[in-house]
Amino acid sequence: MVDKLRLNRDQIARIVGNDPEAIRQFEKLFAASNFSASELETVSIAAGIADSKAGQALAELKRIADAVEALAYAPVIQANNSVVTDYIDLPDDGPHVTQQRRIQWNKDDGTVDVGLYGGSVLQVGQELHYYAKNTSGATIADGSPVIVTGTLGASGKLTIGPAIGDGSVQQRYFIGAATQDIANNDFGYVTGFGLVRGFDTSAYADGDLLYVSETTAGDWTNVMPVAPNWRQAQAIVVHAANNGSIFIRVTPEHKLGELQDVDAPSPVDGQTLVWNTDKWELASPAGGYTVTTQAVSYSETATSGEFVRLITGAAVTVSLPTAVGNTAKLTYKLTVAGTMTLDAAGAETIDGGATASTSIQYTAITIVSDGANWQVI
């Protein structure tokens, strides 16, 4: 006969925990039972093993359920290796490693980054890029202002070179700033709108407006150039530093003669604009006239206003414009020893003849149109 198991409250608590009700029930159980200590230990071990097995089974069932749920919501893989899904959630935090053809969330700028060739990155919705070929003969440095120099035809690509704002090239060809170093005959990206990073802006201050330099190709200046150089600000300094950044926004700049309601194709010194029905036209100031000098033969272009041409060449022929519709008053004065000849257009005449001339120094000929031919007055 085995000895009846005798356990006090502390011993029972070590088995079932500190639950008062459980302790009381076990006290009653041991008082009414004939369990021995070894039998109780065997039961306790078996119960622990069963509890462990049950926990493992439940954990495995949960993993299976999670896998089934993931499969149910996974994108459909198509036969052409594409994926059909309602949305893609990109992780908010990195580490992100930039690589061409890779997209990732840019937490700082609040947009998606797209990795491009050469280490460039496009911030979707915040930048506009052009992919073009450098044919300038030298490397275009990151951050340099750039103009279009031509096209590659069927390839659909532009050719580019460093911009200079001295008026030798029309400002309409300016398209932005290089967003990377672009070697000669290589392709690279040009930013027409957005942030350009990673180049030296230490010569400026934060917030400076930048203009295309009129003295150095591919460079900027924070001093507004004087006319006829490019005078439109194209960028602002975001961070002035050795590894700085600018924000560029290409802004077209138009000459006065390019405006829709201005017709001034060949202006000369001293002319002004006057309104004529539906547009602005060139004219000499009211009550005044424009004086110019001419040393070689040329074609007259004046159609209105009053002009005095001082002929300073020894043998100068002036080819006159048509007299039809011309309201200009034209005076030609020979100021040197030589010959000055006025030549009418086509079959038109000057006082009945095809030409009018003089070889007498300091002699002047003034002509006006009668609507069909020229008359000397």
Protein backbone atom coordinates (compact mmCIF):
# COMPACT_ATOMS: atom_id res chain seq x y z
CA MET A 1 0.00 0.00 0.00
CA VAL A 2 1.32 3.38 -1.03
CA ASP A 3 1.46 6.30 1.27
CA LYS A 4 -1.30 8.85 0.71
CA LEU A 5 0.00 12.01 -0.89
CA ARG A 6 0.16 14.94 1.49
CA LEU A 7 0.73 18.41 -0.02
CA ASN A 8 0.42 21.77 1.63
CA ARG A 9 -0.88 24.96 -0.04
CA ASP A 10 2.56 26.21 -1.07
CA GLN A 11 3.39 22.94 -2.75
CA ILE A 12 0.05 22.91 -4.62
CA ALA A 13 0.59 26.54 -5.71
CA ARG A 14 3.90 25.56 -7.30
CA ILE A 15 1.99 23.05 -9.44
CA VAL A 16 -1.17 24.99 -10.43
CA GLY A 17 -0.09 28.60 -9.93
CA ASN A 18 -1.43 31.24 -7.56
CA ASP A 19 -5.12 30.80 -8.38
CA PRO A 20 -6.89 30.49 -4.94
CA GLU A 21 -9.87 28.55 -6.33
CA ALA A 22 -7.62 26.05 -8.12
CA ILE A 23 -5.60 25.55 -4.94
CA ARG A 24 -8.77 24.76 -2.93
CA GLN A 25 -10.00 22.26 -5.51
CA PHE A 26 -6.65 20.45 -5.56
CA GLU A 27 -6.68 20.32 -1.74
CA LYS A 28 -10.03 18.53 -1.89
CA LEU A 29 -8.76 16.24 -4.61
CA PHE A 30 -5.69 15.17 -2.68
CA ALA A 31 -7.70 14.74 0.52
CA ALA A 32 -10.09 12.32 -1.18
CA SER A 33 -7.56 10.47 -3.36
CA ASN A 34 -4.90 7.87 -2.86
CA PHE A 35 -2.38 9.31 -5.40
CA SER A 36 1.23 8.75 -4.63
CA ALA A 37 3.89 11.36 -5.38
CA SER A 38 5.33 9.33 -8.27
CA GLU A 39 1.88 8.84 -9.81
CA LEU A 40 1.17 12.55 -9.59
CA GLU A 41 4.52 13.34 -11.23
CA THR A 42 3.72 10.99 -14.12
CA VAL A 43 0.32 12.63 -14.62
CA SER A 44 1.88 16.11 -14.48
CA ILE A 45 4.53 15.21 -17.07
CA ALA A 46 1.94 13.67 -19.43
CA ALA A 47 -0.25 16.75 -19.14
CA GLY A 48 2.69 19.02 -19.94
CA ILE A 49 3.61 17.00 -23.00
CA ALA A 50 0.02 17.06 -24.24
CA ASP A 51 -0.17 20.81 -23.70
CA SER A 52 3.08 21.33 -25.65
CA LYS A 53 1.89 19.16 -28.52
CA ALA A 54 -1.39 21.06 -28.67
CA GLY A 55 0.45 24.41 -28.76
CA GLN A 56 2.66 23.21 -31.59
CA ALA A 57 -0.35 22.02 -33.53
CA LEU A 58 -2.14 25.33 -33.11
CA ALA A 59 0.95 27.26 -34.22
CA GLU A 60 1.26 25.09 -37.33
CA LEU A 61 -2.43 25.60 -38.15
CA LYS A 62 -1.94 29.38 -37.87
CA ARG A 63 1.00 29.29 -40.26
CA ILE A 64 -1.06 27.32 -42.77
CA ALA A 65 -3.96 29.79 -42.42
CA ASP A 66 -1.61 32.75 -42.97
CA ALA A 67 -0.13 31.12 -46.07
CA VAL A 68 -3.58 30.43 -47.52
CA GLU A 69 -4.62 34.04 -46.89
CA ALA A 70 -1.44 35.35 -48.54
CA LEU A 71 -2.08 33.18 -51.60
CA ALA A 72 -5.68 34.41 -51.78
CA TYR A 73 -4.54 38.06 -51.96
CA ALA A 74 -1.38 37.57 -54.03
CA PRO A 75 -1.19 39.22 -57.52
CA VAL A 76 -2.12 37.01 -60.43
CA ILE A 77 0.97 35.91 -62.36
CA GLN A 78 0.29 36.10 -66.09
CA ALA A 79 1.66 33.81 -68.76
CA ASN A 80 3.70 36.75 -70.17
CA ASN A 81 5.47 37.19 -66.80
CA SER A 82 3.45 40.31 -65.89
CA VAL A 83 1.53 40.81 -62.66
CA VAL A 84 -2.09 41.93 -62.29
CA THR A 85 -2.90 43.58 -58.99
CA ASP A 86 -5.08 46.34 -57.59
CA TYR A 87 -2.17 48.19 -55.95
CA ILE A 88 1.41 47.96 -54.74
CA ASP A 89 2.40 49.07 -51.26
CA LEU A 90 6.03 50.22 -51.16
CA PRO A 91 7.80 50.16 -47.77
CA ASP A 92 8.13 53.60 -46.20
CA ASP A 93 11.62 53.13 -44.78
CA GLY A 94 14.79 51.78 -46.36
CA PRO A 95 17.47 50.95 -46.68
CA HIS A 96 16.83 51.82 -50.34
CA VAL A 97 19.53 51.09 -52.92
CA THR A 98 19.21 53.03 -56.19
CA GLN A 99 19.49 50.94 -59.31
CA GLN A 100 18.33 51.43 -62.88
CA ARG A 101 14.83 50.01 -63.56
CA ARG A 102 14.09 49.90 -59.80
CA ILE A 103 11.26 51.81 -58.11
CA GLN A 104 11.08 52.64 -54.42
CA TRP A 105 9.37 55.08 -52.09
CA ASN A 106 11.15 58.38 -51.40
CA LYS A 107 10.08 59.36 -47.90
CA ASP A 108 11.88 62.73 -47.98
CA ASP A 109 10.22 63.95 -51.20
CA GLY A 110 6.94 62.07 -50.73
CA THR A 111 6.99 60.33 -54.10
CA VAL A 112 8.22 57.28 -56.01
CA ASP A 113 11.84 57.15 -57.17
CA VAL A 114 12.60 55.50 -60.49
CA GLY A 115 16.18 54.40 -61.10
CA LEU A 116 17.49 55.53 -64.50
CA TYR A 117 20.65 54.95 -66.50
CA GLY A 118 23.94 56.28 -65.16
CA GLY A 119 22.76 56.51 -61.56
CA SER A 120 20.17 59.21 -62.23
CA VAL A 121 16.88 59.07 -60.33
CA LEU A 122 13.48 60.41 -61.41
CA GLN A 123 11.15 61.71 -58.69
CA VAL A 124 7.77 60.87 -60.22
CA GLY A 125 5.49 63.89 -60.60
CA GLN A 126 8.16 66.32 -59.39
CA GLU A 127 10.63 66.30 -62.29
CA LEU A 128 10.69 66.40 -66.10
CA HIS A 129 13.62 64.72 -67.86
CA TYR A 130 14.91 64.57 -71.44
CA TYR A 131 17.17 61.73 -72.59
CA ALA A 132 19.55 63.24 -75.14
CA LYS A 133 22.98 62.81 -76.76
CA ASN A 134 25.91 65.11 -76.09
CA THR A 135 27.54 66.00 -79.42
CA SER A 136 29.37 69.12 -78.23
CA GLY A 137 32.86 67.61 -78.36
CA ALA A 138 33.42 67.70 -74.60
CA THR A 139 31.82 66.45 -71.37
CA ILE A 140 28.78 68.37 -70.15
CA ALA A 141 29.10 68.61 -66.38
CA ASP A 142 26.29 67.84 -63.94
CA GLY A 143 24.19 70.97 -63.37
CA SER A 144 25.28 72.76 -66.58
CA PRO A 145 22.66 74.71 -68.59
CA VAL A 146 21.95 72.93 -71.88
CA ILE A 147 20.56 73.80 -75.32
CA VAL A 148 19.25 71.64 -78.14
CA THR A 149 21.72 71.53 -81.02
CA GLY A 150 19.88 69.14 -83.35
CA THR A 151 18.16 65.77 -83.60
CA LEU A 152 19.03 62.17 -84.39
CA GLY A 153 16.12 61.74 -86.78
CA ALA A 154 14.41 58.35 -86.66
CA SER A 155 15.85 57.58 -83.21
CA GLY A 156 13.60 60.24 -81.72
CA LYS A 157 16.47 61.67 -79.67
CA LEU A 158 17.75 65.23 -79.32
CA THR A 159 21.38 66.31 -79.48
CA ILE A 160 22.58 68.81 -76.89
CA GLY A 161 25.45 71.13 -76.00
CA PRO A 162 26.32 73.61 -73.25
CA ALA A 163 24.22 76.80 -73.33
CA ILE A 164 25.58 80.33 -73.51
CA GLY A 165 23.34 83.35 -73.03
CA ASP A 166 25.15 85.89 -75.23
CA GLY A 167 22.40 86.00 -77.86
CA SER A 168 24.40 83.99 -80.42
CA VAL A 169 21.76 81.25 -80.05
CA GLN A 170 18.07 81.94 -79.60
CA GLN A 171 16.89 81.33 -76.05
CA ARG A 172 14.05 79.13 -77.33
CA TYR A 173 16.61 76.29 -77.73
CA PHE A 174 17.32 76.19 -73.98
CA ILE A 175 15.83 73.02 -72.41
CA GLY A 176 17.28 72.72 -68.90
CA ALA A 177 20.27 71.53 -66.87
CA ALA A 178 22.24 68.29 -67.11
CA THR A 179 21.32 66.03 -64.21
CA GLN A 180 24.54 64.01 -64.50
CA ASP A 181 27.96 64.25 -66.16
CA ILE A 182 27.40 63.44 -69.86
CA ALA A 183 30.52 62.47 -71.79
CA ASN A 184 30.91 63.49 -75.42
CA ASN A 185 28.88 61.22 -77.75
CA ASP A 186 27.11 59.63 -74.74
CA PHE A 187 23.46 59.83 -73.79
CA GLY A 188 22.32 61.37 -70.53
CA TYR A 189 19.46 63.10 -68.77
CA VAL A 190 18.57 66.79 -68.80
CA THR A 191 16.13 68.19 -66.21
CA GLY A 192 13.68 70.73 -67.62
CA PHE A 193 11.71 71.02 -64.39
CA GLY A 194 12.70 69.90 -60.91
CA LEU A 195 15.60 69.58 -58.52
CA VAL A 196 19.15 69.09 -59.83
CA ARG A 197 21.53 67.84 -57.13
CA GLY A 198 25.13 66.97 -56.51
CA PHE A 199 27.18 69.78 -58.07
CA ASP A 200 29.07 72.81 -56.79
CA THR A 201 26.85 75.81 -56.02
CA SER A 202 29.11 77.30 -53.37
CA ALA A 203 29.66 80.47 -55.44
CA TYR A 204 26.05 81.48 -54.76
CA ALA A 205 23.72 81.86 -51.79
CA ASP A 206 20.54 79.99 -50.94
CA GLY A 207 17.65 81.60 -52.82
CA ASP A 208 19.77 83.25 -55.55
CA LEU A 209 18.14 83.42 -58.98
CA LEU A 210 20.32 81.98 -61.72
CA TYR A 211 20.69 83.10 -65.34
CA VAL A 212 22.54 81.38 -68.18
CA SER A 213 26.00 82.95 -68.31
CA GLU A 214 26.63 85.28 -71.24
CA THR A 215 30.41 84.79 -71.00
CA THR A 216 31.02 81.09 -70.25
CA ALA A 217 29.24 78.23 -72.04
CA GLY A 218 27.66 75.72 -69.67
CA ASP A 219 27.77 78.02 -66.65
CA TRP A 220 25.37 80.04 -64.51
CA THR A 221 25.45 83.58 -63.12
CA ASN A 222 23.44 85.18 -60.33
CA VAL A 223 23.76 88.62 -61.94
CA MET A 224 21.07 89.52 -64.47
CA PRO A 225 22.76 90.00 -67.89
CA VAL A 226 22.16 93.13 -69.94
CA ALA A 227 20.31 93.09 -73.26
CA PRO A 228 20.61 91.59 -75.82
CA ASN A 229 21.86 88.68 -73.67
CA TRP A 230 19.42 86.18 -72.17
CA ARG A 231 17.84 87.93 -69.19
CA GLN A 232 15.24 85.43 -67.95
CA ALA A 233 15.97 83.67 -64.62
CA GLN A 234 15.88 79.92 -65.20
CA ALA A 235 16.70 78.44 -61.76
CA ILE A 236 16.91 79.16 -58.05
CA VAL A 237 19.62 77.97 -55.67
CA VAL A 238 18.12 75.53 -53.16
CA HIS A 239 21.34 74.64 -51.36
CA ALA A 240 24.56 76.61 -51.81
CA ALA A 241 27.36 74.14 -51.10
CA ASN A 242 30.12 72.07 -52.70
CA ASN A 243 27.51 69.33 -53.06
CA GLY A 244 24.62 71.70 -53.67
CA SER A 245 21.36 71.79 -55.59
CA ILE A 246 19.17 74.07 -57.70
CA PHE A 247 15.54 73.97 -58.74
CA ILE A 248 15.12 74.61 -62.45
CA ARG A 249 12.02 75.78 -64.32
CA VAL A 250 12.63 76.55 -67.98
CA THR A 251 10.98 79.88 -68.75
CA PRO A 252 10.78 81.09 -72.38
CA GLU A 253 11.96 84.61 -73.13
CA HIS A 254 10.61 86.39 -76.20
CA LYS A 255 11.98 89.25 -78.21
CA LEU A 256 9.64 92.19 -78.79
CA GLY A 257 9.42 91.40 -82.49
CA GLU A 258 8.20 87.85 -81.74
CA LEU A 259 4.99 88.97 -80.05
CA GLN A 260 1.77 88.13 -81.86
CA ASP A 261 0.64 91.71 -82.41
CA VAL A 262 4.04 93.19 -83.38
CA ASP A 263 5.17 93.39 -87.01
CA ALA A 264 8.75 94.67 -86.91
CA PRO A 265 10.87 92.45 -89.14
CA SER A 266 13.82 94.78 -89.88
CA PRO A 267 14.13 97.57 -87.30
CA VAL A 268 16.76 100.28 -87.68
CA ASP A 269 18.17 102.73 -85.19
CA GLY A 270 15.79 105.47 -84.11
CA GLN A 271 12.53 103.78 -85.13
CA THR A 272 9.56 103.40 -82.82
CA LEU A 273 6.42 101.28 -82.83
CA VAL A 274 3.06 102.76 -83.78
CA TRP A 275 -0.36 101.09 -83.67
CA ASN A 276 -1.91 100.44 -87.08
CA THR A 277 -5.44 98.95 -86.95
CA ASP A 278 -4.60 95.57 -85.43
CA LYS A 279 -0.85 95.47 -84.84
CA TRP A 280 2.26 97.44 -83.92
CA GLU A 281 4.47 98.53 -86.82
CA LEU A 282 7.79 100.30 -87.22
CA ALA A 283 7.82 104.04 -87.81
CA SER A 284 10.02 107.06 -87.31
CA PRO A 285 9.17 109.29 -84.36
CA ALA A 286 6.50 111.88 -85.11
CA GLY A 287 8.12 115.08 -86.36
CA GLY A 288 11.55 113.42 -86.54
CA TYR A 289 13.67 111.23 -88.75
CA THR A 290 16.26 108.50 -88.47
CA VAL A 291 19.84 108.99 -89.65
CA THR A 292 22.09 106.06 -90.62
CA THR A 293 25.32 105.65 -92.57
CA GLN A 294 25.88 103.30 -95.52
CA ALA A 295 29.35 102.48 -96.84
CA VAL A 296 28.45 99.67 -99.27
CA SER A 297 25.63 98.82 -101.64
CA TYR A 298 22.52 97.46 -99.95
CA SER A 299 18.76 96.88 -100.31
CA GLU A 300 16.51 99.47 -98.69
CA THR A 301 13.84 98.01 -96.38
CA ALA A 302 11.99 101.07 -95.04
CA THR A 303 8.27 101.14 -95.81
CA SER A 304 7.17 103.98 -93.52
CA GLY A 305 8.65 106.89 -91.60
CA GLU A 306 11.39 109.34 -92.53
CA PHE A 307 15.03 108.33 -93.01
CA VAL A 308 18.29 110.03 -93.93
CA ARG A 309 21.02 107.74 -95.31
CA LEU A 310 24.51 109.21 -95.30
CA ILE A 311 26.43 107.49 -98.09
CA THR A 312 30.07 107.09 -97.06
CA GLY A 313 31.29 104.72 -99.77
CA ALA A 314 32.86 105.70 -103.09
CA ALA A 315 30.51 103.58 -105.19
CA VAL A 316 27.21 102.71 -103.52
CA THR A 317 24.04 101.44 -105.17
CA VAL A 318 20.78 101.43 -103.22
CA SER A 319 18.18 98.92 -104.39
CA LEU A 320 14.84 100.51 -103.56
CA PRO A 321 11.81 98.63 -102.25
CA THR A 322 8.59 98.69 -104.22
CA ALA A 323 6.86 102.06 -104.28
CA VAL A 324 3.44 100.41 -104.07
CA GLY A 325 1.98 101.06 -100.62
CA ASN A 326 5.22 102.61 -99.35
CA THR A 327 4.73 105.74 -97.22
CA ALA A 328 8.38 106.37 -96.32
CA LYS A 329 10.26 109.57 -97.07
CA LEU A 330 13.84 108.66 -98.01
CA THR A 331 16.81 111.01 -98.30
CA TYR A 332 20.20 109.83 -99.60
CA LYS A 333 23.24 112.16 -99.30
CA LEU A 334 26.63 111.48 -100.88
CA THR A 335 29.20 112.59 -98.26
CA VAL A 336 32.40 111.48 -100.05
CA ALA A 337 33.89 111.78 -103.50
CA GLY A 338 32.30 109.05 -105.59
CA THR A 339 28.97 107.99 -107.07
CA MET A 340 25.64 107.23 -105.42
CA THR A 341 22.95 105.39 -107.44
CA LEU A 342 19.31 104.71 -106.57
CA ASP A 343 17.85 101.71 -108.44
CA ALA A 344 14.05 101.29 -108.68
CA ALA A 345 12.44 97.87 -108.20
CA GLY A 346 11.39 95.98 -111.33
CA ALA A 347 9.72 98.20 -113.91
CA GLU A 348 9.12 101.03 -111.44
CA THR A 349 10.72 104.42 -112.07
CA ILE A 350 12.36 107.35 -110.29
CA ASP A 351 11.18 110.59 -111.92
CA GLY A 352 10.45 108.52 -115.03
CA GLY A 353 13.82 106.74 -115.16
CA ALA A 354 15.01 103.37 -113.88
CA THR A 355 17.68 105.00 -111.72
CA ALA A 356 18.71 108.28 -110.14
CA SER A 357 22.32 109.11 -109.34
CA THR A 358 24.81 111.80 -108.43
CA SER A 359 28.59 112.12 -108.38
CA ILE A 360 28.67 115.48 -106.65
CA GLN A 361 29.87 115.31 -103.06
CA TYR A 362 27.38 116.57 -100.44
CA THR A 363 24.47 116.31 -102.89
CA ALA A 364 21.26 114.76 -101.56
CA ILE A 365 18.33 113.03 -103.32
CA THR A 366 14.99 112.81 -101.49
CA ILE A 367 12.24 110.54 -102.82
CA VAL A 368 8.65 109.65 -101.92
CA SER A 369 6.18 107.24 -103.48
CA ASP A 370 3.15 108.31 -105.49
CA GLY A 371 1.66 104.87 -104.93
CA ALA A 372 3.21 103.29 -108.01
CA ASN A 373 6.60 104.92 -108.63
CA TRP A 374 9.17 107.12 -106.88
CA GLN A 375 9.25 110.91 -107.19
CA VAL A 376 12.26 113.13 -106.40
CA ILE A 377 11.28 116.11 -104.29
